[in-house]
Each structure stands twice: as C-alpha cells, then as structure tokens.
N, C-alpha and C. Protein backbone atom coordinates (compact mmCIF):
# COMPACT_ATOMS: atom_id res chain seq x y z
N UNK A 1 58.75 120.76 91.45
CA UNK A 1 59.64 120.29 90.40
C UNK A 1 60.72 119.38 90.98
N UNK A 2 61.26 119.75 92.15
CA UNK A 2 62.28 118.91 92.77
C UNK A 2 61.72 117.54 93.11
N UNK A 3 60.45 117.51 93.54
CA UNK A 3 59.83 116.24 93.88
C UNK A 3 59.71 115.36 92.64
N UNK A 4 59.37 115.93 91.51
CA UNK A 4 59.26 115.17 90.27
C UNK A 4 60.62 114.62 89.85
N UNK A 5 61.66 115.41 90.03
CA UNK A 5 63.01 114.96 89.66
C UNK A 5 63.43 113.80 90.55
N UNK A 6 63.13 113.90 91.85
CA UNK A 6 63.48 112.82 92.78
C UNK A 6 62.72 111.55 92.42
N UNK A 7 61.42 111.68 92.11
CA UNK A 7 60.61 110.52 91.74
C UNK A 7 61.14 109.89 90.46
N UNK A 8 61.45 110.69 89.46
CA UNK A 8 61.96 110.17 88.19
C UNK A 8 63.30 109.48 88.40
N UNK A 9 64.17 110.10 89.18
CA UNK A 9 65.47 109.50 89.44
C UNK A 9 65.31 108.17 90.18
N UNK A 10 64.45 108.14 91.18
CA UNK A 10 64.23 106.91 91.93
C UNK A 10 63.65 105.82 91.04
N UNK A 11 62.67 106.18 90.21
CA UNK A 11 62.08 105.19 89.29
C UNK A 11 63.12 104.68 88.30
N UNK A 12 63.94 105.57 87.79
CA UNK A 12 64.96 105.14 86.83
C UNK A 12 65.95 104.19 87.49
N UNK A 13 66.36 104.50 88.70
CA UNK A 13 67.30 103.62 89.40
C UNK A 13 66.66 102.27 89.70
N UNK A 14 65.40 102.30 90.15
CA UNK A 14 64.71 101.04 90.42
C UNK A 14 64.60 100.23 89.14
N UNK A 15 64.18 100.87 88.07
CA UNK A 15 64.02 100.18 86.79
C UNK A 15 65.35 99.63 86.31
N UNK A 16 66.39 100.42 86.40
CA UNK A 16 67.70 100.01 85.90
C UNK A 16 68.35 98.96 86.77
N UNK A 17 68.21 99.08 88.06
CA UNK A 17 68.90 98.17 88.97
C UNK A 17 68.10 96.93 89.33
N UNK A 18 66.88 96.86 88.86
CA UNK A 18 66.04 95.73 89.23
C UNK A 18 65.55 94.98 88.02
N UNK A 19 66.25 95.09 86.93
CA UNK A 19 65.76 94.53 85.68
C UNK A 19 65.92 93.03 85.57
N UNK A 20 66.76 92.42 86.34
CA UNK A 20 66.96 90.99 86.19
C UNK A 20 66.82 90.26 87.50
N UNK A 21 66.96 88.96 87.42
CA UNK A 21 66.91 88.15 88.62
C UNK A 21 65.75 87.20 88.67
N UNK A 22 64.92 87.19 87.65
CA UNK A 22 63.81 86.26 87.61
C UNK A 22 64.31 84.84 87.47
N UNK A 23 63.56 83.90 88.03
CA UNK A 23 63.98 82.51 87.88
C UNK A 23 63.22 81.88 86.73
N UNK A 24 63.84 80.91 86.14
CA UNK A 24 63.24 80.23 85.02
C UNK A 24 63.17 78.76 85.34
N UNK A 25 62.13 78.10 84.87
CA UNK A 25 62.05 76.67 85.05
C UNK A 25 62.05 76.02 83.68
N UNK A 26 62.63 74.86 83.63
CA UNK A 26 62.74 74.16 82.37
C UNK A 26 62.66 72.67 82.63
N UNK A 27 62.03 71.94 81.71
CA UNK A 27 61.96 70.51 81.87
C UNK A 27 63.21 69.83 81.33
N UNK A 28 64.05 70.57 80.60
CA UNK A 28 65.27 70.00 80.05
C UNK A 28 66.32 69.88 81.14
N UNK A 29 67.10 68.83 81.05
CA UNK A 29 68.19 68.66 82.00
C UNK A 29 69.28 69.67 81.69
N UNK A 30 70.19 69.96 82.63
CA UNK A 30 71.27 70.91 82.37
C UNK A 30 72.11 70.50 81.16
N UNK A 31 72.34 69.19 80.97
CA UNK A 31 73.12 68.75 79.82
C UNK A 31 72.40 69.02 78.52
N UNK A 32 71.06 68.80 78.49
CA UNK A 32 70.29 69.06 77.28
C UNK A 32 70.27 70.56 76.98
N UNK A 33 70.11 71.39 78.02
CA UNK A 33 70.06 72.84 77.81
C UNK A 33 71.37 73.35 77.24
N UNK A 34 72.51 72.86 77.77
CA UNK A 34 73.78 73.34 77.27
C UNK A 34 74.05 72.83 75.86
N UNK A 35 73.49 71.71 75.51
CA UNK A 35 73.70 71.18 74.16
C UNK A 35 72.91 71.97 73.12
N UNK A 36 71.78 72.56 73.53
CA UNK A 36 70.96 73.27 72.57
C UNK A 36 71.40 74.70 72.36
N UNK A 37 72.16 75.28 73.28
CA UNK A 37 72.61 76.65 73.13
C UNK A 37 74.13 76.68 72.99
N UNK A 38 74.59 77.49 72.04
CA UNK A 38 76.04 77.62 71.85
C UNK A 38 76.63 78.42 73.00
N UNK A 39 77.94 78.37 73.13
CA UNK A 39 78.63 79.15 74.16
C UNK A 39 78.25 80.62 74.00
N UNK A 40 77.83 81.27 75.08
CA UNK A 40 77.41 82.67 74.98
C UNK A 40 78.54 83.58 74.51
N UNK A 41 78.17 84.55 73.72
CA UNK A 41 79.12 85.55 73.26
C UNK A 41 78.50 86.91 73.59
N UNK A 42 78.96 87.53 74.66
CA UNK A 42 78.36 88.76 75.17
C UNK A 42 78.78 90.03 74.42
N UNK A 43 80.04 90.15 73.94
CA UNK A 43 80.43 91.42 73.32
C UNK A 43 79.55 91.80 72.13
N UNK A 44 79.27 93.10 72.04
CA UNK A 44 78.46 93.63 70.95
C UNK A 44 77.60 94.77 71.45
N UNK A 45 76.77 95.27 70.55
CA UNK A 45 75.83 96.34 70.88
C UNK A 45 74.44 95.72 71.00
N UNK A 46 73.75 96.06 72.09
CA UNK A 46 72.46 95.48 72.41
C UNK A 46 71.43 96.58 72.64
N UNK A 47 70.17 96.34 72.21
CA UNK A 47 69.07 97.28 72.40
C UNK A 47 67.93 96.54 73.11
N UNK A 48 67.39 97.18 74.14
CA UNK A 48 66.31 96.57 74.91
C UNK A 48 65.06 96.38 74.05
N UNK A 49 64.48 95.19 74.14
CA UNK A 49 63.20 94.89 73.50
C UNK A 49 62.06 94.96 74.48
N UNK A 50 62.23 94.29 75.63
CA UNK A 50 61.17 94.22 76.62
C UNK A 50 61.76 94.36 78.01
N UNK A 51 60.88 94.71 78.94
CA UNK A 51 61.29 94.78 80.35
C UNK A 51 60.12 94.38 81.23
N UNK A 52 60.47 93.77 82.34
CA UNK A 52 59.48 93.41 83.37
C UNK A 52 60.07 93.81 84.70
N UNK A 53 59.21 94.25 85.61
CA UNK A 53 59.70 94.66 86.92
C UNK A 53 58.64 94.39 87.97
N UNK A 54 59.08 94.08 89.17
CA UNK A 54 58.14 93.92 90.27
C UNK A 54 57.72 95.27 90.83
N UNK A 55 58.39 96.34 90.42
CA UNK A 55 58.01 97.70 90.83
C UNK A 55 56.86 98.17 89.96
N UNK A 56 56.00 98.99 90.50
CA UNK A 56 54.92 99.54 89.68
C UNK A 56 55.49 100.72 88.89
N UNK A 57 55.34 100.64 87.59
CA UNK A 57 55.84 101.68 86.68
C UNK A 57 54.67 102.61 86.36
N UNK A 58 54.83 103.92 86.57
CA UNK A 58 53.72 104.83 86.31
C UNK A 58 53.36 104.90 84.83
N UNK A 59 52.10 105.12 84.58
CA UNK A 59 51.62 105.25 83.21
C UNK A 59 52.32 106.45 82.56
N UNK A 60 52.75 106.27 81.32
CA UNK A 60 53.44 107.33 80.61
C UNK A 60 54.94 107.30 80.74
N UNK A 61 55.46 106.42 81.60
CA UNK A 61 56.91 106.29 81.77
C UNK A 61 57.47 105.52 80.57
N UNK A 62 58.48 106.08 79.92
CA UNK A 62 59.12 105.44 78.77
C UNK A 62 60.61 105.30 79.05
N UNK A 63 61.16 104.16 78.62
CA UNK A 63 62.59 103.93 78.82
C UNK A 63 63.19 103.26 77.58
N UNK A 64 64.36 103.75 77.19
CA UNK A 64 65.15 103.13 76.13
C UNK A 64 66.48 102.75 76.76
N UNK A 65 66.86 101.49 76.62
CA UNK A 65 68.10 101.02 77.24
C UNK A 65 68.96 100.35 76.19
N UNK A 66 70.24 100.69 76.19
CA UNK A 66 71.21 100.03 75.32
C UNK A 66 72.41 99.59 76.15
N UNK A 67 73.08 98.59 75.66
CA UNK A 67 74.33 98.14 76.29
C UNK A 67 75.36 97.93 75.21
N UNK A 68 76.56 98.37 75.48
CA UNK A 68 77.68 98.06 74.61
C UNK A 68 78.68 97.28 75.46
N UNK A 69 78.92 96.05 75.04
CA UNK A 69 79.80 95.15 75.78
C UNK A 69 81.02 94.88 74.90
N UNK A 70 82.20 95.10 75.46
CA UNK A 70 83.42 94.92 74.68
C UNK A 70 84.04 93.55 74.95
N UNK A 71 84.96 93.17 74.08
CA UNK A 71 85.65 91.90 74.28
C UNK A 71 86.83 92.03 75.25
N UNK A 72 87.00 93.21 75.84
CA UNK A 72 88.05 93.40 76.84
C UNK A 72 87.42 93.54 78.24
N UNK A 73 86.28 92.90 78.43
CA UNK A 73 85.58 92.83 79.72
C UNK A 73 85.15 94.18 80.28
N UNK A 74 84.72 95.09 79.41
CA UNK A 74 84.13 96.34 79.90
C UNK A 74 82.77 96.52 79.24
N UNK A 75 81.95 97.40 79.82
CA UNK A 75 80.62 97.64 79.27
C UNK A 75 80.15 99.05 79.58
N UNK A 76 79.18 99.50 78.78
CA UNK A 76 78.49 100.76 79.02
C UNK A 76 76.99 100.47 78.94
N UNK A 77 76.27 100.82 79.97
CA UNK A 77 74.82 100.65 80.07
C UNK A 77 74.23 102.06 80.02
N UNK A 78 73.38 102.32 79.03
CA UNK A 78 72.78 103.65 78.87
C UNK A 78 71.27 103.52 78.94
N UNK A 79 70.67 104.28 79.84
CA UNK A 79 69.21 104.27 80.00
C UNK A 79 68.69 105.69 79.84
N UNK A 80 67.75 105.85 78.90
CA UNK A 80 67.10 107.15 78.69
C UNK A 80 65.64 107.01 79.10
N UNK A 81 65.23 107.78 80.10
CA UNK A 81 63.87 107.74 80.62
C UNK A 81 63.16 109.05 80.34
N UNK A 82 61.87 108.94 80.06
CA UNK A 82 61.03 110.13 79.91
C UNK A 82 59.79 109.90 80.75
N UNK A 83 59.52 110.86 81.63
CA UNK A 83 58.32 110.80 82.45
C UNK A 83 57.80 112.21 82.66
N UNK A 84 56.53 112.40 82.32
CA UNK A 84 55.88 113.71 82.43
C UNK A 84 56.69 114.80 81.74
N UNK A 85 57.24 114.46 80.58
CA UNK A 85 57.97 115.43 79.78
C UNK A 85 59.39 115.71 80.23
N UNK A 86 59.84 115.06 81.28
CA UNK A 86 61.20 115.28 81.78
C UNK A 86 62.07 114.10 81.36
N UNK A 87 63.16 114.40 80.66
CA UNK A 87 64.07 113.36 80.19
C UNK A 87 65.25 113.23 81.14
N UNK A 88 65.60 112.00 81.44
CA UNK A 88 66.74 111.70 82.30
C UNK A 88 67.55 110.61 81.62
N UNK A 89 68.86 110.73 81.64
CA UNK A 89 69.71 109.71 81.05
C UNK A 89 70.74 109.27 82.09
N UNK A 90 70.91 107.96 82.20
CA UNK A 90 71.90 107.38 83.10
C UNK A 90 72.89 106.58 82.26
N UNK A 91 74.17 106.79 82.49
CA UNK A 91 75.21 106.04 81.80
C UNK A 91 76.06 105.38 82.88
N UNK A 92 76.05 104.05 82.88
CA UNK A 92 76.84 103.29 83.86
C UNK A 92 77.95 102.57 83.13
N UNK A 93 79.16 102.64 83.66
CA UNK A 93 80.30 101.96 83.04
C UNK A 93 80.97 101.07 84.08
N UNK A 94 81.56 100.00 83.56
CA UNK A 94 82.24 99.09 84.46
C UNK A 94 82.84 97.91 83.72
N UNK A 95 83.02 96.83 84.45
CA UNK A 95 83.65 95.63 83.89
C UNK A 95 82.73 94.44 84.12
N UNK A 96 83.06 93.34 83.47
CA UNK A 96 82.29 92.12 83.67
C UNK A 96 83.20 90.91 83.55
N UNK A 97 82.72 89.81 84.08
CA UNK A 97 83.39 88.54 83.86
C UNK A 97 82.31 87.50 83.57
N UNK A 98 82.71 86.44 82.93
CA UNK A 98 81.79 85.39 82.56
C UNK A 98 82.21 84.08 83.20
N UNK A 99 81.23 83.36 83.74
CA UNK A 99 81.49 82.06 84.31
C UNK A 99 80.26 81.18 84.10
N UNK A 100 80.47 80.03 83.50
CA UNK A 100 79.40 79.07 83.26
C UNK A 100 78.22 79.68 82.51
N UNK A 101 78.49 80.52 81.53
CA UNK A 101 77.43 81.10 80.70
C UNK A 101 76.72 82.29 81.31
N UNK A 102 77.12 82.73 82.49
CA UNK A 102 76.52 83.89 83.15
C UNK A 102 77.56 85.00 83.20
N UNK A 103 77.15 86.19 82.81
CA UNK A 103 78.03 87.36 82.92
C UNK A 103 77.63 88.14 84.16
N UNK A 104 78.62 88.53 84.94
CA UNK A 104 78.39 89.38 86.11
C UNK A 104 78.95 90.75 85.77
N UNK A 105 78.06 91.73 85.65
CA UNK A 105 78.42 93.10 85.29
C UNK A 105 78.53 93.92 86.58
N UNK A 106 79.66 94.58 86.77
CA UNK A 106 79.86 95.43 87.93
C UNK A 106 80.15 96.84 87.44
N UNK A 107 79.24 97.76 87.78
CA UNK A 107 79.49 99.15 87.37
C UNK A 107 80.15 99.90 88.52
N UNK A 108 81.05 100.79 88.12
CA UNK A 108 81.82 101.54 89.11
C UNK A 108 81.61 103.05 88.98
N UNK A 109 80.93 103.46 87.92
CA UNK A 109 80.71 104.89 87.71
C UNK A 109 79.36 105.09 87.03
N UNK A 110 78.62 106.09 87.50
CA UNK A 110 77.34 106.45 86.90
C UNK A 110 77.33 107.95 86.65
N UNK A 111 76.90 108.34 85.46
CA UNK A 111 76.69 109.74 85.14
C UNK A 111 75.21 109.92 84.82
N UNK A 112 74.57 110.88 85.46
CA UNK A 112 73.15 111.17 85.22
C UNK A 112 73.04 112.54 84.59
N UNK A 113 72.21 112.63 83.56
CA UNK A 113 71.95 113.90 82.86
C UNK A 113 70.47 114.20 82.97
N UNK A 114 70.15 115.43 83.41
CA UNK A 114 68.76 115.84 83.48
C UNK A 114 68.66 117.35 83.38
N UNK A 115 67.82 117.81 82.47
CA UNK A 115 67.54 119.23 82.28
C UNK A 115 68.80 120.08 82.28
N UNK A 116 69.79 119.67 81.51
CA UNK A 116 71.00 120.44 81.36
C UNK A 116 72.02 120.24 82.47
N UNK A 117 71.67 119.48 83.50
CA UNK A 117 72.60 119.24 84.60
C UNK A 117 73.21 117.85 84.51
N UNK A 118 74.36 117.71 85.12
CA UNK A 118 75.07 116.43 85.13
C UNK A 118 75.48 116.11 86.56
N UNK A 119 75.33 114.84 86.92
CA UNK A 119 75.77 114.39 88.24
C UNK A 119 76.56 113.11 88.06
N UNK A 120 77.74 113.03 88.67
CA UNK A 120 78.59 111.85 88.61
C UNK A 120 78.62 111.17 89.96
N UNK A 121 78.69 109.83 89.91
CA UNK A 121 78.75 109.06 91.14
C UNK A 121 79.65 107.85 90.92
N UNK A 122 80.50 107.57 91.88
CA UNK A 122 81.35 106.39 91.80
C UNK A 122 80.76 105.26 92.63
N UNK A 123 79.44 105.10 92.53
CA UNK A 123 78.76 104.04 93.26
C UNK A 123 79.13 102.68 92.66
N UNK A 124 78.99 101.67 93.46
CA UNK A 124 79.30 100.31 93.03
C UNK A 124 78.01 99.51 93.01
N UNK A 125 77.76 98.80 91.92
CA UNK A 125 76.57 97.97 91.81
C UNK A 125 76.82 96.87 90.80
N UNK A 126 75.93 95.89 90.78
CA UNK A 126 76.11 94.81 89.82
C UNK A 126 74.78 94.23 89.40
N UNK A 127 74.81 93.52 88.30
CA UNK A 127 73.67 92.77 87.79
C UNK A 127 74.21 91.63 86.95
N UNK A 128 73.37 90.67 86.64
CA UNK A 128 73.81 89.50 85.87
C UNK A 128 73.13 89.45 84.52
N UNK A 129 73.73 88.70 83.62
CA UNK A 129 73.17 88.54 82.29
C UNK A 129 73.49 87.17 81.73
N UNK A 130 72.66 86.74 80.81
CA UNK A 130 72.91 85.48 80.10
C UNK A 130 72.34 85.60 78.71
N UNK A 131 72.84 84.77 77.82
CA UNK A 131 72.33 84.73 76.46
C UNK A 131 71.31 83.60 76.40
N UNK A 132 70.11 83.92 75.94
CA UNK A 132 69.06 82.91 75.79
C UNK A 132 68.37 83.16 74.46
N UNK A 133 68.36 82.14 73.61
CA UNK A 133 67.74 82.26 72.29
C UNK A 133 68.28 83.47 71.53
N UNK A 134 69.60 83.66 71.56
CA UNK A 134 70.31 84.73 70.87
C UNK A 134 69.97 86.13 71.39
N UNK A 135 69.39 86.20 72.57
CA UNK A 135 69.05 87.48 73.19
C UNK A 135 69.80 87.58 74.51
N UNK A 136 70.13 88.80 74.90
CA UNK A 136 70.76 89.06 76.18
C UNK A 136 69.65 89.35 77.19
N UNK A 137 69.63 88.60 78.27
CA UNK A 137 68.64 88.80 79.33
C UNK A 137 69.40 89.19 80.58
N UNK A 138 69.15 90.40 81.08
CA UNK A 138 69.83 90.84 82.29
C UNK A 138 68.83 90.90 83.44
N UNK A 139 69.35 90.61 84.63
CA UNK A 139 68.54 90.64 85.84
C UNK A 139 69.17 91.63 86.81
N UNK A 140 68.34 92.52 87.30
CA UNK A 140 68.80 93.51 88.27
C UNK A 140 67.93 93.38 89.50
N UNK A 141 68.58 93.19 90.63
CA UNK A 141 67.86 93.06 91.89
C UNK A 141 68.32 94.20 92.80
N UNK A 142 67.35 94.98 93.28
CA UNK A 142 67.64 96.09 94.17
C UNK A 142 66.63 96.04 95.30
N UNK A 143 67.12 95.72 96.48
CA UNK A 143 66.25 95.58 97.64
C UNK A 143 65.20 94.51 97.34
N UNK A 144 63.93 94.87 97.35
CA UNK A 144 62.88 93.89 97.08
C UNK A 144 62.31 94.03 95.67
N UNK A 145 62.98 94.76 94.80
CA UNK A 145 62.51 94.95 93.43
C UNK A 145 63.41 94.18 92.47
N UNK A 146 62.79 93.43 91.59
CA UNK A 146 63.51 92.65 90.59
C UNK A 146 63.04 93.09 89.21
N UNK A 147 64.00 93.34 88.32
CA UNK A 147 63.67 93.71 86.94
C UNK A 147 64.40 92.79 85.98
N UNK A 148 63.77 92.48 84.87
CA UNK A 148 64.36 91.66 83.83
C UNK A 148 64.24 92.42 82.51
N UNK A 149 65.37 92.62 81.84
CA UNK A 149 65.38 93.29 80.55
C UNK A 149 65.89 92.31 79.51
N UNK A 150 65.24 92.30 78.36
CA UNK A 150 65.65 91.44 77.26
C UNK A 150 66.10 92.33 76.10
N UNK A 151 67.29 92.04 75.57
CA UNK A 151 67.91 92.83 74.51
C UNK A 151 68.11 91.98 73.26
N UNK A 152 68.11 92.64 72.11
CA UNK A 152 68.56 91.98 70.88
C UNK A 152 69.83 92.67 70.42
N UNK A 153 70.62 91.93 69.68
CA UNK A 153 71.90 92.45 69.17
C UNK A 153 71.62 93.37 67.98
N UNK A 154 72.37 94.48 67.89
CA UNK A 154 72.19 95.38 66.75
C UNK A 154 73.29 95.19 65.75
C-alpha cells in the first residue's frame, strides 16, 4: 500500500509540475500574433480541458485540475487524482506576475490530502502560463518531464 501511495504521489507531482513548457511554431510574425490576440487577462476560475505530458501516464489514471487566479497576483492550483481507487488531492498556493503576455506562477505552499491524511510542504516551484484563443495554457517542466495543460474559463 505504501508503494502505491508513493507511486501515486510521484505521478501526481510529475503530472502537475510538468504540464507546460511545450514550444509552439507559428508562421505569423510577432506583430501579427499580438494584433490578433487581446491583452491576456489571467484572473478568474479555470478548469482543465486537456493535458499532455512527456511522462507515461498509467492506464486508469484520472486527474481534475482547477486554477483560481486573483487580480491581486495570487493563485490556487488544485489537482485531484484517482489511481487504482486511491484519491489524492494537491492544493498549491502562491503568487504570479505577468510580463509580455506570459504569467509566471510561483507556488510557496502545497497541501496534499490522501486517505484521510494531510501533509503540508513549503516547497518552492514555478510554472508558466499564457492565454491562447481565450484558453489558459500552462507549462510545467520538472527535470526531463514536460506537461502542458489547457484550461477554459468557468
């Protein structure tokens, strides 16, 4: 059972911390791209639609991710994972800043909930986000794993 908890926790961290960082190519010039998209507005409630990761995700692994971004430069990232009937929830809180249409999210506290237990950590981590086609796309890079999550506004 302990081995399953460690695997689930590791997978959740990999999935959560490696969600973004993919590169995009476009034939439009930077001036054309900025003209077609309005200035990004990050604050709001967001729900994950899709995710991609360079890590192999085991069959049956399910994840629901939400983000609440405030207009006072703070955010809450909540990830609920279910694997082999075991539910784990991670809540990361921190601050962000925006520069040139990119938001840099830095979390300073993580709370993990699993099978009635709670663990708190004041770890430091970060990921980036941008608004593309009215969707929030975040990139998480952890070691050699990259994950990209796409959210819609609720």
